[in-house]
Amino acid sequence: MAKRGKILINVNDIIGKRLGKLEVISYAGHRYDITRGGERMRHYYRVECECGTIKIVQRGQLTSEIVHSCGCGRGRKRGY
């Protein structure tokens, strides 16, 4: 369990889940960032994309689906 503001979160709850093209492999740790509202703890996870690329991604970006792949789909030509 880790604190999120005044709320405790289970950092292991998304490990093993598939979010978009990414599978969450493990918890990679946390870091404190300075924001307008003060200091904020950010949690990071090691993820593996369907293409085999491994990245570290912030929890909020995973759960809100801002990041759903490693970027491997960029640069493909779209057939119109």
Protein backbone atom coordinates (compact mmCIF):
# COMPACT_ATOMS: atom_id res chain seq x y z
CA MET A 1 0.00 0.00 0.00
CA ALA A 2 1.16 3.51 -0.75
CA LYS A 3 -0.31 6.88 0.11
CA ARG A 4 -2.00 8.95 -2.56
CA GLY A 5 -2.57 12.28 -0.89
CA LYS A 6 -4.49 11.15 2.14
CA ILE A 7 -5.74 7.98 0.44
CA LEU A 8 -3.95 4.62 0.55
CA ILE A 9 -3.68 2.82 -2.80
CA ASN A 10 -2.67 -0.75 -3.54
CA VAL A 11 0.30 -0.39 -5.90
CA ASN A 12 0.02 -4.05 -6.96
CA ASP A 13 -3.61 -3.88 -8.13
CA ILE A 14 -2.79 -3.36 -11.83
CA ILE A 15 0.18 -5.76 -12.07
CA GLY A 16 -0.60 -8.50 -14.59
CA LYS A 17 -3.37 -6.50 -16.27
CA ARG A 18 -3.46 -5.56 -19.94
CA LEU A 19 -4.20 -1.88 -20.56
CA GLY A 20 -4.46 -1.21 -24.28
CA LYS A 21 -1.43 -2.85 -25.91
CA LEU A 22 0.54 -2.75 -22.65
CA GLU A 23 0.81 -5.47 -20.03
CA VAL A 24 1.86 -4.26 -16.56
CA ILE A 25 4.87 -6.36 -15.47
CA SER A 26 5.90 -4.85 -12.14
CA TYR A 27 5.95 -1.82 -9.87
CA ALA A 28 8.97 0.36 -10.66
CA GLY A 29 8.82 2.73 -7.68
CA HIS A 30 7.66 6.24 -6.93
CA ARG A 31 8.92 9.79 -7.15
CA TYR A 32 7.84 13.10 -5.69
CA ASP A 33 7.06 15.89 -8.16
CA ILE A 34 6.43 19.54 -7.40
CA THR A 35 3.07 20.72 -8.74
CA ARG A 36 1.00 23.88 -8.30
CA GLY A 37 -0.80 22.22 -5.41
CA GLY A 38 2.44 21.24 -3.69
CA GLU A 39 4.44 18.04 -3.60
CA ARG A 40 2.81 14.96 -5.15
CA MET A 41 3.84 11.31 -5.17
CA ARG A 42 3.79 9.62 -8.61
CA HIS A 43 3.86 5.83 -9.02
CA TYR A 44 5.60 4.17 -11.96
CA TYR A 45 5.23 0.71 -13.52
CA ARG A 46 7.31 -1.43 -15.87
CA VAL A 47 5.14 -2.41 -18.85
CA GLU A 48 5.65 -4.55 -21.95
CA CYS A 49 4.04 -3.64 -25.26
CA GLU A 50 2.66 -6.23 -27.70
CA CYS A 51 5.67 -5.49 -29.93
CA GLY A 52 8.08 -6.52 -27.12
CA THR A 53 9.27 -3.07 -26.03
CA ILE A 54 9.58 -2.53 -22.27
CA LYS A 55 8.90 0.95 -20.86
CA ILE A 56 8.32 2.62 -17.52
CA VAL A 57 5.03 4.53 -17.38
CA GLN A 58 3.29 6.63 -14.73
CA ARG A 59 0.24 4.99 -13.12
CA GLY A 60 -2.14 7.86 -13.92
CA GLN A 61 -1.28 7.69 -17.61
CA LEU A 62 -2.01 3.96 -17.64
CA THR A 63 -5.28 4.02 -15.73
CA SER A 64 -6.70 6.99 -17.63
CA GLU A 65 -5.55 5.42 -20.94
CA ILE A 66 -3.43 8.42 -21.96
CA VAL A 67 -0.68 5.90 -22.77
CA HIS A 68 -1.92 2.66 -24.34
CA SER A 69 1.15 1.54 -26.34
CA CYS A 70 4.89 2.20 -26.56
CA GLY A 71 4.39 4.32 -29.66
CA CYS A 72 5.03 1.46 -32.07
CA GLY A 73 1.94 2.39 -34.11
CA ARG A 74 3.21 5.89 -34.90
CA GLY A 75 4.69 6.33 -38.31
CA ARG A 76 2.48 3.72 -39.97
CA LYS A 77 0.76 4.99 -43.05
CA ARG A 78 -2.99 5.08 -42.80
CA GLY A 79 -5.00 3.90 -45.76
CA TYR A 80 -7.60 6.51 -46.65
